C-alpha cells in the first residue's frame, strides 16, 4: 500500500494522529510552504534514507573511471600495490583503465609490457573483466576493466571483516517526534498504513483527497 495524503492540518492534530498510530511525526520538507511532514517510524525512515543514498552513490560510481599506470619494468611489490588499488575501485563499482607506458628502448621489447598486463588481469580476475583485449596504442598498452556483478564478485580483501557493504537493519522506533515545524503553522501530513492493531482507528475514516 502506498502513502496517503491527509492534507493540511495543524501541528497539534498531526502530533495527536502520530500518537494514535504509535509512530513519529517527521519533517521531510522544511522549506516547503507549509512544511511537509510524514507519519512513519523514525528507524524505518532513517533506514530508507540511508538505502536511497547508497543506491545513488552506487550509480555515481558506475560512471566513474579510475586509472592505474604501469611500466614494463615495474617491481613485483609495486605491481601488487597497483592490483590492490584496482581491486578497491572495482569493489566500489568503478571502472579501471590500465595504462602501461613504454619509455625509450623499451618499445623494442613490447612482450614484457604485455606480460605485465597479463599478470595484472589474472590478479584482478575475481573482481573484474577486461572490456576488450589489451591494445598497443602509440607508445603504450591500454585496457579497460569493468567490475563483475556483485553476486559473482569475490569479497573485497581490504574490507573490514563482517562488513558486506550493506545498509544496517533499521533500529527500533524511538517514538520521538522529530523535526517538528513551527507550532503556529499548518502542515500537510503523509500517512502510512497503520499496523493491524489500529484497524479500528477513527482516523482511518478520514476523507483522503
Protein backbone atom coordinates (compact mmCIF):
# COMPACT_ATOMS: atom_id res chain seq x y z
CA UNK A 1 0.00 0.00 0.00
CA UNK A 2 1.22 3.50 -0.75
CA UNK A 3 1.21 6.67 1.25
CA UNK A 4 -1.98 8.64 1.84
CA UNK A 5 -2.05 12.42 1.88
CA UNK A 6 -4.10 13.75 4.76
CA UNK A 7 -3.98 17.36 3.63
CA UNK A 8 -3.07 20.45 5.64
CA UNK A 9 -3.69 20.08 9.37
CA UNK A 10 -2.46 21.80 12.50
CA UNK A 11 0.64 20.71 14.35
CA UNK A 12 -1.36 19.55 17.37
CA UNK A 13 -3.63 17.45 15.16
CA UNK A 14 -0.61 15.91 13.43
CA UNK A 15 1.06 15.05 16.76
CA UNK A 16 -2.16 13.53 18.06
CA UNK A 17 -2.50 11.44 14.92
CA UNK A 18 1.09 10.22 15.29
CA UNK A 19 0.48 9.19 18.91
CA UNK A 20 -2.73 7.40 17.97
CA UNK A 21 -0.90 5.29 15.38
CA UNK A 22 2.21 4.75 17.51
CA UNK A 23 4.57 6.36 15.01
CA UNK A 24 6.66 9.52 14.71
CA UNK A 25 5.98 12.87 13.05
CA UNK A 26 8.99 13.55 10.81
CA UNK A 27 9.54 16.77 8.88
CA UNK A 28 10.69 15.83 5.35
CA UNK A 29 10.41 19.17 3.52
CA UNK A 30 11.11 22.01 5.97
CA UNK A 31 11.46 24.66 3.24
CA UNK A 32 8.04 24.00 1.72
CA UNK A 33 5.11 26.29 2.48
CA UNK A 34 3.66 24.91 4.64
CA UNK A 35 6.33 22.38 5.73
CA UNK A 36 5.61 18.76 4.79
CA UNK A 37 5.67 16.04 7.45
CA UNK A 38 5.34 12.29 7.36
CA UNK A 39 3.89 9.78 9.79
CA UNK A 40 6.47 7.00 9.99
CA UNK A 41 8.66 5.12 12.45
CA UNK A 42 11.86 7.13 12.74
CA UNK A 43 14.01 3.99 12.48
CA UNK A 44 12.33 2.95 9.25
CA UNK A 45 12.64 6.48 7.87
CA UNK A 46 16.39 6.61 8.53
CA UNK A 47 16.87 3.15 7.05
CA UNK A 48 15.07 4.08 3.82
CA UNK A 49 17.02 7.33 3.56
CA UNK A 50 20.37 5.56 4.02
CA UNK A 51 19.41 2.96 1.42
CA UNK A 52 18.48 5.62 -1.15
CA UNK A 53 21.76 7.45 -0.54
CA UNK A 54 23.71 4.24 -1.01
CA UNK A 55 21.89 3.40 -4.26
CA UNK A 56 22.53 6.90 -5.55
CA UNK A 57 26.22 6.65 -4.71
CA UNK A 58 26.41 3.26 -6.44
CA UNK A 59 25.07 4.73 -9.69
CA UNK A 60 27.56 7.57 -9.46
CA UNK A 61 30.44 5.12 -9.03
CA UNK A 62 29.29 3.10 -12.04
CA UNK A 63 30.03 6.11 -14.28
CA UNK A 64 33.45 6.80 -12.74
CA UNK A 65 36.74 5.58 -14.24
CA UNK A 66 39.93 5.27 -12.24
CA UNK A 67 43.31 4.97 -13.97
CA UNK A 68 46.16 2.70 -12.91
CA UNK A 69 49.56 3.31 -14.54
CA UNK A 70 52.10 0.54 -15.04
CA UNK A 71 55.52 0.12 -16.62
CA UNK A 72 57.16 -2.92 -18.25
CA UNK A 73 59.85 -2.89 -15.53
CA UNK A 74 57.54 -2.50 -12.56
CA UNK A 75 58.70 -4.11 -9.33
CA UNK A 76 56.57 -7.13 -8.21
CA UNK A 77 55.81 -5.38 -4.91
CA UNK A 78 54.68 -2.21 -6.70
CA UNK A 79 52.57 -4.32 -9.08
CA UNK A 80 50.87 -5.90 -6.05
CA UNK A 81 50.02 -2.46 -4.69
CA UNK A 82 48.59 -1.39 -8.05
CA UNK A 83 46.48 -4.56 -8.10
CA UNK A 84 45.12 -3.82 -4.61
CA UNK A 85 44.17 -0.30 -5.69
CA UNK A 86 42.35 -1.65 -8.73
CA UNK A 87 40.50 -4.24 -6.63
CA UNK A 88 39.36 -1.49 -4.28
CA UNK A 89 37.99 0.55 -7.19
CA UNK A 90 36.23 -2.46 -8.74
CA UNK A 91 34.63 -3.37 -5.41
CA UNK A 92 33.22 0.18 -5.35
CA UNK A 93 31.63 -0.49 -8.77
CA UNK A 94 34.07 1.76 -10.62
CA UNK A 95 35.72 1.00 -13.92
CA UNK A 96 39.52 0.81 -14.08
CA UNK A 97 41.64 1.95 -17.02
CA UNK A 98 45.06 0.31 -17.08
CA UNK A 99 47.74 2.22 -18.95
CA UNK A 100 51.25 0.82 -19.44
CA UNK A 101 53.80 3.23 -20.92
CA UNK A 102 56.98 2.32 -22.80
CA UNK A 103 59.98 4.60 -22.46
CA UNK A 104 62.90 4.87 -24.86
CA UNK A 105 64.23 1.49 -25.95
CA UNK A 106 61.51 -0.39 -24.01
CA UNK A 107 59.46 -0.28 -27.23
CA UNK A 108 61.84 -2.90 -28.66
CA UNK A 109 60.57 -5.44 -26.10
CA UNK A 110 56.81 -4.99 -26.08
CA UNK A 111 56.37 -8.59 -24.93
CA UNK A 112 57.49 -7.53 -21.44
CA UNK A 113 54.70 -4.98 -21.29
CA UNK A 114 52.08 -7.48 -22.43
CA UNK A 115 53.35 -9.95 -19.81
CA UNK A 116 52.85 -7.35 -17.06
CA UNK A 117 49.32 -6.65 -18.30
CA UNK A 118 48.59 -10.39 -18.38
CA UNK A 119 49.70 -10.81 -14.74
CA UNK A 120 47.62 -7.79 -13.74
CA UNK A 121 44.47 -9.14 -15.40
CA UNK A 122 44.95 -12.57 -13.83
CA UNK A 123 45.25 -10.99 -10.37
CA UNK A 124 42.04 -8.96 -10.67
CA UNK A 125 40.04 -11.68 -12.47
CA UNK A 126 37.86 -12.50 -9.39
CA UNK A 127 36.75 -8.83 -9.28
CA UNK A 128 36.58 -7.56 -12.87
CA UNK A 129 36.94 -8.43 -16.54
CA UNK A 130 38.52 -6.56 -19.48
CA UNK A 131 36.09 -4.88 -21.89
CA UNK A 132 38.48 -5.69 -24.74
CA UNK A 133 41.84 -7.31 -25.33
CA UNK A 134 44.85 -5.15 -24.35
CA UNK A 135 45.76 -2.85 -27.24
CA UNK A 136 49.01 -1.20 -28.21
CA UNK A 137 48.22 2.47 -28.82
CA UNK A 138 51.17 4.72 -29.60
CA UNK A 139 53.85 4.02 -27.00
CA UNK A 140 51.62 2.23 -24.53
CA UNK A 141 49.20 -0.60 -23.86
CA UNK A 142 45.68 0.22 -22.72
CA UNK A 143 42.85 -1.91 -21.42
CA UNK A 144 39.55 -1.06 -19.68
CA UNK A 145 38.28 -3.25 -16.84
CA UNK A 146 34.66 -3.39 -15.67
CA UNK A 147 33.60 -4.74 -12.26
CA UNK A 148 31.91 -8.12 -12.09
CA UNK A 149 28.31 -8.22 -10.80
CA UNK A 150 28.19 -8.24 -7.00
CA UNK A 151 26.82 -11.80 -6.87
CA UNK A 152 29.75 -13.07 -8.98
CA UNK A 153 32.48 -10.89 -7.48
CA UNK A 154 34.89 -12.04 -4.79
CA UNK A 155 34.76 -10.25 -1.45
CA UNK A 156 36.94 -7.20 -1.11
CA UNK A 157 40.06 -8.35 0.79
CA UNK A 158 40.56 -4.78 2.01
CA UNK A 159 37.10 -4.54 3.61
CA UNK A 160 36.60 -4.94 7.35
CA UNK A 161 35.57 -8.41 8.43
CA UNK A 162 31.80 -8.70 8.65
CA UNK A 163 31.23 -5.56 6.59
CA UNK A 164 29.40 -6.65 3.47
CA UNK A 165 28.75 -3.10 2.37
CA UNK A 166 25.10 -3.38 3.28
CA UNK A 167 22.90 -0.78 4.87
CA UNK A 168 22.36 -1.76 8.52
CA UNK A 169 18.98 -3.04 9.58
CA UNK A 170 16.60 -0.35 10.80
CA UNK A 171 16.76 0.28 14.54
CA UNK A 172 13.72 0.09 16.77
CA UNK A 173 11.46 3.13 16.72
CA UNK A 174 12.49 5.85 19.10
CA UNK A 175 8.90 7.09 19.26
CA UNK A 176 10.19 10.63 19.40
CA UNK A 177 8.55 13.37 17.36
CA UNK A 178 11.48 14.82 15.44
CA UNK A 179 11.96 17.98 13.44
CA UNK A 180 8.57 19.42 14.35
CA UNK A 181 7.66 22.57 12.38
CA UNK A 182 6.61 25.87 13.90
CA UNK A 183 3.67 25.40 16.30
CA UNK A 184 1.84 28.27 14.68
CA UNK A 185 1.92 26.72 11.22
CA UNK A 186 -0.12 24.15 9.37
CA UNK A 187 1.49 21.01 7.99
CA UNK A 188 0.44 18.60 5.22
CA UNK A 189 0.93 15.08 6.52
CA UNK A 190 1.61 11.88 4.60
CA UNK A 191 0.06 8.91 6.37
CA UNK A 192 1.50 5.41 6.08
CA UNK A 193 -0.81 2.40 6.65
CA UNK A 194 -1.20 1.77 10.36
CA UNK A 195 -0.40 -1.63 11.92
CA UNK A 196 -3.19 -4.20 12.24
CA UNK A 197 -3.71 -3.20 15.85
CA UNK A 198 -5.07 0.14 14.62
CA UNK A 199 -7.58 -1.13 12.07
CA UNK A 200 -10.41 0.39 14.12
CA UNK A 201 -8.66 3.74 14.46
CA UNK A 202 -11.25 6.51 13.85
CA UNK A 203 -8.70 8.38 11.76
CA UNK A 204 -8.91 5.63 9.15
CA UNK A 205 -12.30 7.01 8.18
CA UNK A 206 -10.94 10.45 7.35
CA UNK A 207 -11.61 11.51 3.80
CA UNK A 208 -8.45 11.32 1.69
CA UNK A 209 -8.07 13.83 -1.10
